[in-house]
Amino acid sequence: ENHGVAKAATWIRIKKDGTPRPAYPCTLPTRI
């Protein structure tokens, strides 16, 4: 972000029990 890459994507992590957490904002490179 400090180098101009916006958090323009989202990713959904899964909990240890396998259930999804709410989507959180992230950069497109991190999402991919």
PDB file of all heavy atoms in Angstrom:
ATOM      1  N   GLU A   1       0.832  -1.215   0.000  1.00  0.00           N
ATOM      2  CA  GLU A   1       0.000   0.000   0.000  1.00  0.00           C
ATOM      3  C   GLU A   1       0.858   1.253   0.000  1.00  0.00           C
ATOM      4  O   GLU A   1       0.545   2.222  -0.696  1.00  0.00           O
ATOM      5  CB  GLU A   1      -0.935   0.010   1.205  1.00  0.00           C
ATOM      6  CG  GLU A   1      -2.154  -0.865   1.036  1.00  0.00           C
ATOM      7  CD  GLU A   1      -3.150  -0.640   2.151  1.00  0.00           C
ATOM      8  OE1 GLU A   1      -2.861  -1.063   3.289  1.00  0.00           O
ATOM      9  OE2 GLU A   1      -4.189  -0.019   1.871  1.00  0.00           O
ATOM     10  N   ASN A   2       1.937   1.240   0.783  1.00  0.00           N
ATOM     11  CA  ASN A   2       2.845   2.386   0.821  1.00  0.00           C
ATOM     12  C   ASN A   2       3.538   2.618  -0.517  1.00  0.00           C
ATOM     13  O   ASN A   2       4.071   3.692  -0.766  1.00  0.00           O
ATOM     14  CB  ASN A   2       3.899   2.215   1.918  1.00  0.00           C
ATOM     15  CG  ASN A   2       3.322   2.404   3.301  1.00  0.00           C
ATOM     16  OD1 ASN A   2       2.291   3.038   3.470  1.00  0.00           O
ATOM     17  ND2 ASN A   2       3.976   1.838   4.301  1.00  0.00           N
ATOM     18  N   HIS A   3       3.528   1.601  -1.365  1.00  0.00           N
ATOM     19  CA  HIS A   3       4.129   1.710  -2.693  1.00  0.00           C
ATOM     20  C   HIS A   3       3.070   1.806  -3.791  1.00  0.00           C
ATOM     21  O   HIS A   3       3.322   1.493  -4.947  1.00  0.00           O
ATOM     22  CB  HIS A   3       5.095   0.549  -2.933  1.00  0.00           C
ATOM     23  CG  HIS A   3       6.355   0.690  -2.148  1.00  0.00           C
ATOM     24  ND1 HIS A   3       6.466   0.273  -0.841  1.00  0.00           N
ATOM     25  CD2 HIS A   3       7.541   1.252  -2.464  1.00  0.00           C
ATOM     26  CE1 HIS A   3       7.674   0.548  -0.395  1.00  0.00           C
ATOM     27  NE2 HIS A   3       8.348   1.149  -1.365  1.00  0.00           N
ATOM     28  N   GLY A   4       1.863   2.219  -3.412  1.00  0.00           N
ATOM     29  CA  GLY A   4       0.832   2.552  -4.389  1.00  0.00           C
ATOM     30  C   GLY A   4      -0.095   1.440  -4.829  1.00  0.00           C
ATOM     31  O   GLY A   4      -0.867   1.620  -5.763  1.00  0.00           O
ATOM     32  N   VAL A   5      -0.041   0.276  -4.185  1.00  0.00           N
ATOM     33  CA  VAL A   5      -0.927  -0.832  -4.557  1.00  0.00           C
ATOM     34  C   VAL A   5      -2.115  -0.829  -3.594  1.00  0.00           C
ATOM     35  O   VAL A   5      -1.961  -1.061  -2.400  1.00  0.00           O
ATOM     36  CB  VAL A   5      -0.196  -2.192  -4.507  1.00  0.00           C
ATOM     37  CG1 VAL A   5      -1.126  -3.314  -4.932  1.00  0.00           C
ATOM     38  CG2 VAL A   5       1.064  -2.164  -5.381  1.00  0.00           C
ATOM     39  N   ALA A   6      -3.283  -0.557  -4.126  1.00  0.00           N
ATOM     40  CA  ALA A   6      -4.493  -0.439  -3.300  1.00  0.00           C
ATOM     41  C   ALA A   6      -5.058  -1.806  -2.923  1.00  0.00           C
ATOM     42  O   ALA A   6      -4.865  -2.791  -3.632  1.00  0.00           O
ATOM     43  CB  ALA A   6      -5.556   0.349  -4.055  1.00  0.00           C
ATOM     44  N   LYS A   7      -5.763  -1.807  -1.814  1.00  0.00           N
ATOM     45  CA  LYS A   7      -6.492  -3.012  -1.409  1.00  0.00           C
ATOM     46  C   LYS A   7      -7.809  -3.027  -2.196  1.00  0.00           C
ATOM     47  O   LYS A   7      -8.836  -2.570  -1.718  1.00  0.00           O
ATOM     48  CB  LYS A   7      -6.748  -3.022   0.094  1.00  0.00           C
ATOM     49  CG  LYS A   7      -5.509  -3.324   0.903  1.00  0.00           C
ATOM     50  CD  LYS A   7      -5.837  -3.492   2.366  1.00  0.00           C
ATOM     51  CE  LYS A   7      -4.595  -3.903   3.137  1.00  0.00           C
ATOM     52  NZ  LYS A   7      -4.877  -4.045   4.571  1.00  0.00           N
ATOM     53  N   ALA A   8      -7.750  -3.565  -3.411  1.00  0.00           N
ATOM     54  CA  ALA A   8      -8.893  -3.536  -4.318  1.00  0.00           C
ATOM     55  C   ALA A   8      -9.505  -4.917  -4.523  1.00  0.00           C
ATOM     56  O   ALA A   8     -10.313  -5.103  -5.418  1.00  0.00           O
ATOM     57  CB  ALA A   8      -8.448  -2.961  -5.657  1.00  0.00           C
ATOM     58  N   ALA A   9      -9.112  -5.885  -3.713  1.00  0.00           N
ATOM     59  CA  ALA A   9      -9.626  -7.251  -3.835  1.00  0.00           C
ATOM     60  C   ALA A   9     -10.024  -7.742  -2.445  1.00  0.00           C
ATOM     61  O   ALA A   9      -9.834  -7.034  -1.453  1.00  0.00           O
ATOM     62  CB  ALA A   9      -8.555  -8.157  -4.442  1.00  0.00           C
ATOM     63  N   THR A  10     -10.578  -8.936  -2.394  1.00  0.00           N
ATOM     64  CA  THR A  10     -10.896  -9.559  -1.101  1.00  0.00           C
ATOM     65  C   THR A  10     -10.449 -11.014  -1.116  1.00  0.00           C
ATOM     66  O   THR A  10     -10.313 -11.629  -2.174  1.00  0.00           O
ATOM     67  CB  THR A  10     -12.405  -9.516  -0.790  1.00  0.00           C
ATOM     68  OG1 THR A  10     -13.115 -10.210  -1.800  1.00  0.00           O
ATOM     69  CG2 THR A  10     -12.905  -8.088  -0.662  1.00  0.00           C
ATOM     70  N   TRP A  11     -10.248 -11.539   0.075  1.00  0.00           N
ATOM     71  CA  TRP A  11      -9.882 -12.941   0.252  1.00  0.00           C
ATOM     72  C   TRP A  11     -10.645 -13.459   1.465  1.00  0.00           C
ATOM     73  O   TRP A  11     -10.874 -12.710   2.418  1.00  0.00           O
ATOM     74  CB  TRP A  11      -8.380 -13.101   0.453  1.00  0.00           C
ATOM     75  CG  TRP A  11      -7.948 -14.517   0.648  1.00  0.00           C
ATOM     76  CD1 TRP A  11      -7.508 -15.091   1.805  1.00  0.00           C
ATOM     77  CD2 TRP A  11      -7.913 -15.560  -0.333  1.00  0.00           C
ATOM     78  NE1 TRP A  11      -7.200 -16.406   1.604  1.00  0.00           N
ATOM     79  CE2 TRP A  11      -7.449 -16.723   0.281  1.00  0.00           C
ATOM     80  CE3 TRP A  11      -8.245 -15.620  -1.692  1.00  0.00           C
ATOM     81  CZ2 TRP A  11      -7.290 -17.929  -0.387  1.00  0.00           C
ATOM     82  CZ3 TRP A  11      -8.083 -16.815  -2.361  1.00  0.00           C
ATOM     83  CH2 TRP A  11      -7.611 -17.949  -1.715  1.00  0.00           C
ATOM     84  N   ILE A  12     -11.004 -14.707   1.417  1.00  0.00           N
ATOM     85  CA  ILE A  12     -11.707 -15.338   2.531  1.00  0.00           C
ATOM     86  C   ILE A  12     -10.804 -16.412   3.119  1.00  0.00           C
ATOM     87  O   ILE A  12     -10.437 -17.364   2.430  1.00  0.00           O
ATOM     88  CB  ILE A  12     -13.048 -15.961   2.071  1.00  0.00           C
ATOM     89  CG1 ILE A  12     -13.974 -14.869   1.536  1.00  0.00           C
ATOM     90  CG2 ILE A  12     -13.702 -16.736   3.211  1.00  0.00           C
ATOM     91  CD1 ILE A  12     -15.232 -15.404   0.873  1.00  0.00           C
ATOM     92  N   ARG A  13     -10.413 -16.223   4.351  1.00  0.00           N
ATOM     93  CA  ARG A  13      -9.627 -17.241   5.057  1.00  0.00           C
ATOM     94  C   ARG A  13     -10.591 -18.278   5.631  1.00  0.00           C
ATOM     95  O   ARG A  13     -11.749 -17.977   5.901  1.00  0.00           O
ATOM     96  CB  ARG A  13      -8.854 -16.631   6.219  1.00  0.00           C
ATOM     97  CG  ARG A  13      -7.710 -15.766   5.803  1.00  0.00           C
ATOM     98  CD  ARG A  13      -6.824 -15.486   7.032  1.00  0.00           C
ATOM     99  NE  ARG A  13      -5.803 -14.524   6.731  1.00  0.00           N
ATOM    100  CZ  ARG A  13      -4.690 -14.788   6.055  1.00  0.00           C
ATOM    101  NH1 ARG A  13      -4.469 -15.986   5.600  1.00  0.00           N
ATOM    102  NH2 ARG A  13      -3.805 -13.853   5.827  1.00  0.00           N
ATOM    103  N   ILE A  14     -10.071 -19.454   5.864  1.00  0.00           N
ATOM    104  CA  ILE A  14     -10.874 -20.454   6.544  1.00  0.00           C
ATOM    105  C   ILE A  14     -10.308 -20.673   7.938  1.00  0.00           C
ATOM    106  O   ILE A  14      -9.107 -20.567   8.166  1.00  0.00           O
ATOM    107  CB  ILE A  14     -10.945 -21.782   5.770  1.00  0.00           C
ATOM    108  CG1 ILE A  14      -9.556 -22.303   5.426  1.00  0.00           C
ATOM    109  CG2 ILE A  14     -11.788 -21.636   4.518  1.00  0.00           C
ATOM    110  CD1 ILE A  14      -9.551 -23.691   4.823  1.00  0.00           C
ATOM    111  N   LYS A  15     -11.209 -20.939   8.869  1.00  0.00           N
ATOM    112  CA  LYS A  15     -10.799 -21.208  10.245  1.00  0.00           C
ATOM    113  C   LYS A  15     -10.246 -22.629  10.326  1.00  0.00           C
ATOM    114  O   LYS A  15     -10.411 -23.431   9.406  1.00  0.00           O
ATOM    115  CB  LYS A  15     -12.006 -21.079  11.177  1.00  0.00           C
ATOM    116  CG  LYS A  15     -12.613 -19.696  11.216  1.00  0.00           C
ATOM    117  CD  LYS A  15     -13.841 -19.701  12.115  1.00  0.00           C
ATOM    118  CE  LYS A  15     -14.578 -18.383  12.023  1.00  0.00           C
ATOM    119  NZ  LYS A  15     -15.808 -18.402  12.824  1.00  0.00           N
ATOM    120  N   LYS A  16      -9.624 -22.946  11.447  1.00  0.00           N
ATOM    121  CA  LYS A  16      -9.073 -24.284  11.642  1.00  0.00           C
ATOM    122  C   LYS A  16     -10.136 -25.366  11.554  1.00  0.00           C
ATOM    123  O   LYS A  16      -9.856 -26.490  11.162  1.00  0.00           O
ATOM    124  CB  LYS A  16      -8.331 -24.364  12.976  1.00  0.00           C
ATOM    125  CG  LYS A  16      -7.049 -23.561  12.974  1.00  0.00           C
ATOM    126  CD  LYS A  16      -6.299 -23.681  14.273  1.00  0.00           C
ATOM    127  CE  LYS A  16      -5.044 -22.824  14.197  1.00  0.00           C
ATOM    128  NZ  LYS A  16      -4.247 -22.884  15.389  1.00  0.00           N
ATOM    129  N   ASP A  17     -11.379 -24.999  11.876  1.00  0.00           N
ATOM    130  CA  ASP A  17     -12.456 -25.988  11.796  1.00  0.00           C
ATOM    131  C   ASP A  17     -13.028 -26.112  10.381  1.00  0.00           C
ATOM    132  O   ASP A  17     -13.967 -26.864  10.138  1.00  0.00           O
ATOM    133  CB  ASP A  17     -13.568 -25.672  12.794  1.00  0.00           C
ATOM    134  CG  ASP A  17     -14.328 -24.391  12.478  1.00  0.00           C
ATOM    135  OD1 ASP A  17     -14.059 -23.766  11.426  1.00  0.00           O
ATOM    136  OD2 ASP A  17     -15.189 -24.015  13.279  1.00  0.00           O
ATOM    137  N   GLY A  18     -12.467 -25.352   9.419  1.00  0.00           N
ATOM    138  CA  GLY A  18     -12.891 -25.451   8.032  1.00  0.00           C
ATOM    139  C   GLY A  18     -13.982 -24.492   7.607  1.00  0.00           C
ATOM    140  O   GLY A  18     -14.344 -24.449   6.441  1.00  0.00           O
ATOM    141  N   THR A  19     -14.501 -23.702   8.538  1.00  0.00           N
ATOM    142  CA  THR A  19     -15.550 -22.744   8.170  1.00  0.00           C
ATOM    143  C   THR A  19     -14.913 -21.437   7.701  1.00  0.00           C
ATOM    144  O   THR A  19     -13.856 -21.035   8.188  1.00  0.00           O
ATOM    145  CB  THR A  19     -16.509 -22.460   9.348  1.00  0.00           C
ATOM    146  OG1 THR A  19     -15.753 -21.934  10.440  1.00  0.00           O
ATOM    147  CG2 THR A  19     -17.221 -23.733   9.784  1.00  0.00           C
ATOM    148  N   PRO A  20     -15.552 -20.764   6.747  1.00  0.00           N
ATOM    149  CA  PRO A  20     -14.971 -19.519   6.227  1.00  0.00           C
ATOM    150  C   PRO A  20     -15.153 -18.343   7.178  1.00  0.00           C
ATOM    151  O   PRO A  20     -16.156 -18.246   7.876  1.00  0.00           O
ATOM    152  CB  PRO A  20     -15.734 -19.284   4.923  1.00  0.00           C
ATOM    153  CG  PRO A  20     -16.981 -20.071   5.036  1.00  0.00           C
ATOM    154  CD  PRO A  20     -16.728 -21.191   6.004  1.00  0.00           C
ATOM    155  N   ARG A  21     -14.167 -17.485   7.200  1.00  0.00           N
ATOM    156  CA  ARG A  21     -14.260 -16.215   7.916  1.00  0.00           C
ATOM    157  C   ARG A  21     -14.843 -15.186   6.957  1.00  0.00           C
ATOM    158  O   ARG A  21     -14.909 -15.427   5.750  1.00  0.00           O
ATOM    159  CB  ARG A  21     -12.871 -15.767   8.359  1.00  0.00           C
ATOM    160  CG  ARG A  21     -12.260 -16.664   9.394  1.00  0.00           C
ATOM    161  CD  ARG A  21     -10.897 -16.178   9.791  1.00  0.00           C
ATOM    162  NE  ARG A  21     -10.359 -17.129  10.761  1.00  0.00           N
ATOM    163  CZ  ARG A  21      -9.346 -16.882  11.546  1.00  0.00           C
ATOM    164  NH1 ARG A  21      -8.730 -15.733  11.472  1.00  0.00           N
ATOM    165  NH2 ARG A  21      -8.929 -17.777  12.391  1.00  0.00           N
ATOM    166  N   PRO A  22     -15.222 -14.019   7.468  1.00  0.00           N
ATOM    167  CA  PRO A  22     -15.703 -12.967   6.553  1.00  0.00           C
ATOM    168  C   PRO A  22     -14.576 -12.535   5.601  1.00  0.00           C
ATOM    169  O   PRO A  22     -13.394 -12.578   5.951  1.00  0.00           O
ATOM    170  CB  PRO A  22     -16.075 -11.820   7.490  1.00  0.00           C
ATOM    171  CG  PRO A  22     -16.255 -12.448   8.829  1.00  0.00           C
ATOM    172  CD  PRO A  22     -15.338 -13.632   8.870  1.00  0.00           C
ATOM    173  N   ALA A  23     -14.958 -12.127   4.413  1.00  0.00           N
ATOM    174  CA  ALA A  23     -13.981 -11.644   3.438  1.00  0.00           C
ATOM    175  C   ALA A  23     -13.279 -10.407   3.990  1.00  0.00           C
ATOM    176  O   ALA A  23     -13.897  -9.596   4.672  1.00  0.00           O
ATOM    177  CB  ALA A  23     -14.681 -11.317   2.124  1.00  0.00           C
ATOM    178  N   TYR A  24     -11.996 -10.279   3.710  1.00  0.00           N
ATOM    179  CA  TYR A  24     -11.270  -9.085   4.139  1.00  0.00           C
ATOM    180  C   TYR A  24     -10.577  -8.466   2.928  1.00  0.00           C
ATOM    181  O   TYR A  24     -10.244  -9.155   1.974  1.00  0.00           O
ATOM    182  CB  TYR A  24     -10.267  -9.412   5.256  1.00  0.00           C
ATOM    183  CG  TYR A  24      -9.097 -10.263   4.832  1.00  0.00           C
ATOM    184  CD1 TYR A  24      -7.897  -9.677   4.429  1.00  0.00           C
ATOM    185  CD2 TYR A  24      -9.166 -11.655   4.849  1.00  0.00           C
ATOM    186  CE1 TYR A  24      -6.821 -10.446   4.044  1.00  0.00           C
ATOM    187  CE2 TYR A  24      -8.085 -12.428   4.460  1.00  0.00           C
ATOM    188  CZ  TYR A  24      -6.920 -11.816   4.065  1.00  0.00           C
ATOM    189  OH  TYR A  24      -5.843 -12.586   3.676  1.00  0.00           O
ATOM    190  N   PRO A  25     -10.399  -7.144   2.961  1.00  0.00           N
ATOM    191  CA  PRO A  25      -9.757  -6.465   1.838  1.00  0.00           C
ATOM    192  C   PRO A  25      -8.265  -6.793   1.773  1.00  0.00           C
ATOM    193  O   PRO A  25      -7.595  -6.928   2.804  1.00  0.00           O
ATOM    194  CB  PRO A  25      -9.983  -4.980   2.116  1.00  0.00           C
ATOM    195  CG  PRO A  25     -10.228  -4.889   3.577  1.00  0.00           C
ATOM    196  CD  PRO A  25     -10.800  -6.212   4.008  1.00  0.00           C
ATOM    197  N   CYS A  26      -7.774  -6.926   0.549  1.00  0.00           N
ATOM    198  CA  CYS A  26      -6.350  -7.168   0.334  1.00  0.00           C
ATOM    199  C   CYS A  26      -5.977  -6.636  -1.051  1.00  0.00           C
ATOM    200  O   CYS A  26      -6.852  -6.285  -1.840  1.00  0.00           O
ATOM    201  CB  CYS A  26      -6.019  -8.656   0.452  1.00  0.00           C
ATOM    202  SG  CYS A  26      -6.829  -9.711  -0.757  1.00  0.00           S
ATOM    203  N   THR A  27      -4.702  -6.583  -1.329  1.00  0.00           N
ATOM    204  CA  THR A  27      -4.256  -6.171  -2.654  1.00  0.00           C
ATOM    205  C   THR A  27      -4.492  -7.315  -3.631  1.00  0.00           C
ATOM    206  O   THR A  27      -4.565  -8.482  -3.240  1.00  0.00           O
ATOM    207  CB  THR A  27      -2.765  -5.797  -2.651  1.00  0.00           C
ATOM    208  OG1 THR A  27      -2.000  -6.960  -2.320  1.00  0.00           O
ATOM    209  CG2 THR A  27      -2.462  -4.661  -1.689  1.00  0.00           C
ATOM    210  N   LEU A  28      -4.599  -6.988  -4.893  1.00  0.00           N
ATOM    211  CA  LEU A  28      -4.776  -8.008  -5.918  1.00  0.00           C
ATOM    212  C   LEU A  28      -3.591  -8.980  -5.951  1.00  0.00           C
ATOM    213  O   LEU A  28      -3.800 -10.203  -6.043  1.00  0.00           O
ATOM    214  CB  LEU A  28      -5.009  -7.365  -7.291  1.00  0.00           C
ATOM    215  CG  LEU A  28      -5.310  -8.313  -8.443  1.00  0.00           C
ATOM    216  CD1 LEU A  28      -6.543  -9.173  -8.172  1.00  0.00           C
ATOM    217  CD2 LEU A  28      -5.477  -7.523  -9.732  1.00  0.00           C
ATOM    218  N   PRO A  29      -2.336  -8.509  -5.849  1.00  0.00           N
ATOM    219  CA  PRO A  29      -1.233  -9.467  -5.815  1.00  0.00           C
ATOM    220  C   PRO A  29      -1.343 -10.477  -4.663  1.00  0.00           C
ATOM    221  O   PRO A  29      -1.075 -11.660  -4.851  1.00  0.00           O
ATOM    222  CB  PRO A  29       0.008  -8.579  -5.655  1.00  0.00           C
ATOM    223  CG  PRO A  29      -0.379  -7.297  -6.309  1.00  0.00           C
ATOM    224  CD  PRO A  29      -1.845  -7.117  -5.936  1.00  0.00           C
ATOM    225  N   THR A  30      -1.767 -10.036  -3.499  1.00  0.00           N
ATOM    226  CA  THR A  30      -1.896 -10.955  -2.366  1.00  0.00           C
ATOM    227  C   THR A  30      -3.062 -11.916  -2.571  1.00  0.00           C
ATOM    228  O   THR A  30      -2.966 -13.101  -2.255  1.00  0.00           O
ATOM    229  CB  THR A  30      -2.035 -10.168  -1.048  1.00  0.00           C
ATOM    230  OG1 THR A  30      -0.797  -9.485  -0.821  1.00  0.00           O
ATOM    231  CG2 THR A  30      -2.316 -11.086   0.133  1.00  0.00           C
ATOM    232  N   ARG A  31      -4.149 -11.424  -3.131  1.00  0.00           N
ATOM    233  CA  ARG A  31      -5.291 -12.306  -3.381  1.00  0.00           C
ATOM    234  C   ARG A  31      -4.904 -13.431  -4.345  1.00  0.00           C
ATOM    235  O   ARG A  31      -5.196 -14.599  -4.120  1.00  0.00           O
ATOM    236  CB  ARG A  31      -6.456 -11.514  -3.970  1.00  0.00           C
ATOM    237  CG  ARG A  31      -7.715 -12.350  -4.065  1.00  0.00           C
ATOM    238  CD  ARG A  31      -8.600 -11.894  -5.209  1.00  0.00           C
ATOM    239  NE  ARG A  31      -9.771 -12.712  -5.343  1.00  0.00           N
ATOM    240  CZ  ARG A  31      -9.761 -13.974  -5.782  1.00  0.00           C
ATOM    241  NH1 ARG A  31      -8.653 -14.571  -6.069  1.00  0.00           N
ATOM    242  NH2 ARG A  31     -10.889 -14.651  -5.912  1.00  0.00           N
ATOM    243  N   ILE A  32      -4.191 -13.081  -5.423  1.00  0.00           N
ATOM    244  CA  ILE A  32      -3.773 -14.091  -6.389  1.00  0.00           C
ATOM    245  C   ILE A  32      -2.735 -15.021  -5.768  1.00  0.00           C
ATOM    246  O   ILE A  32      -2.796 -16.238  -5.941  1.00  0.00           O
ATOM    247  CB  ILE A  32      -3.251 -13.430  -7.681  1.00  0.00           C
ATOM    248  CG1 ILE A  32      -4.423 -12.756  -8.406  1.00  0.00           C
ATOM    249  CG2 ILE A  32      -2.553 -14.445  -8.578  1.00  0.00           C
ATOM    250  CD1 ILE A  32      -4.041 -11.937  -9.618  1.00  0.00           C
TER     251      ILE A  32
END
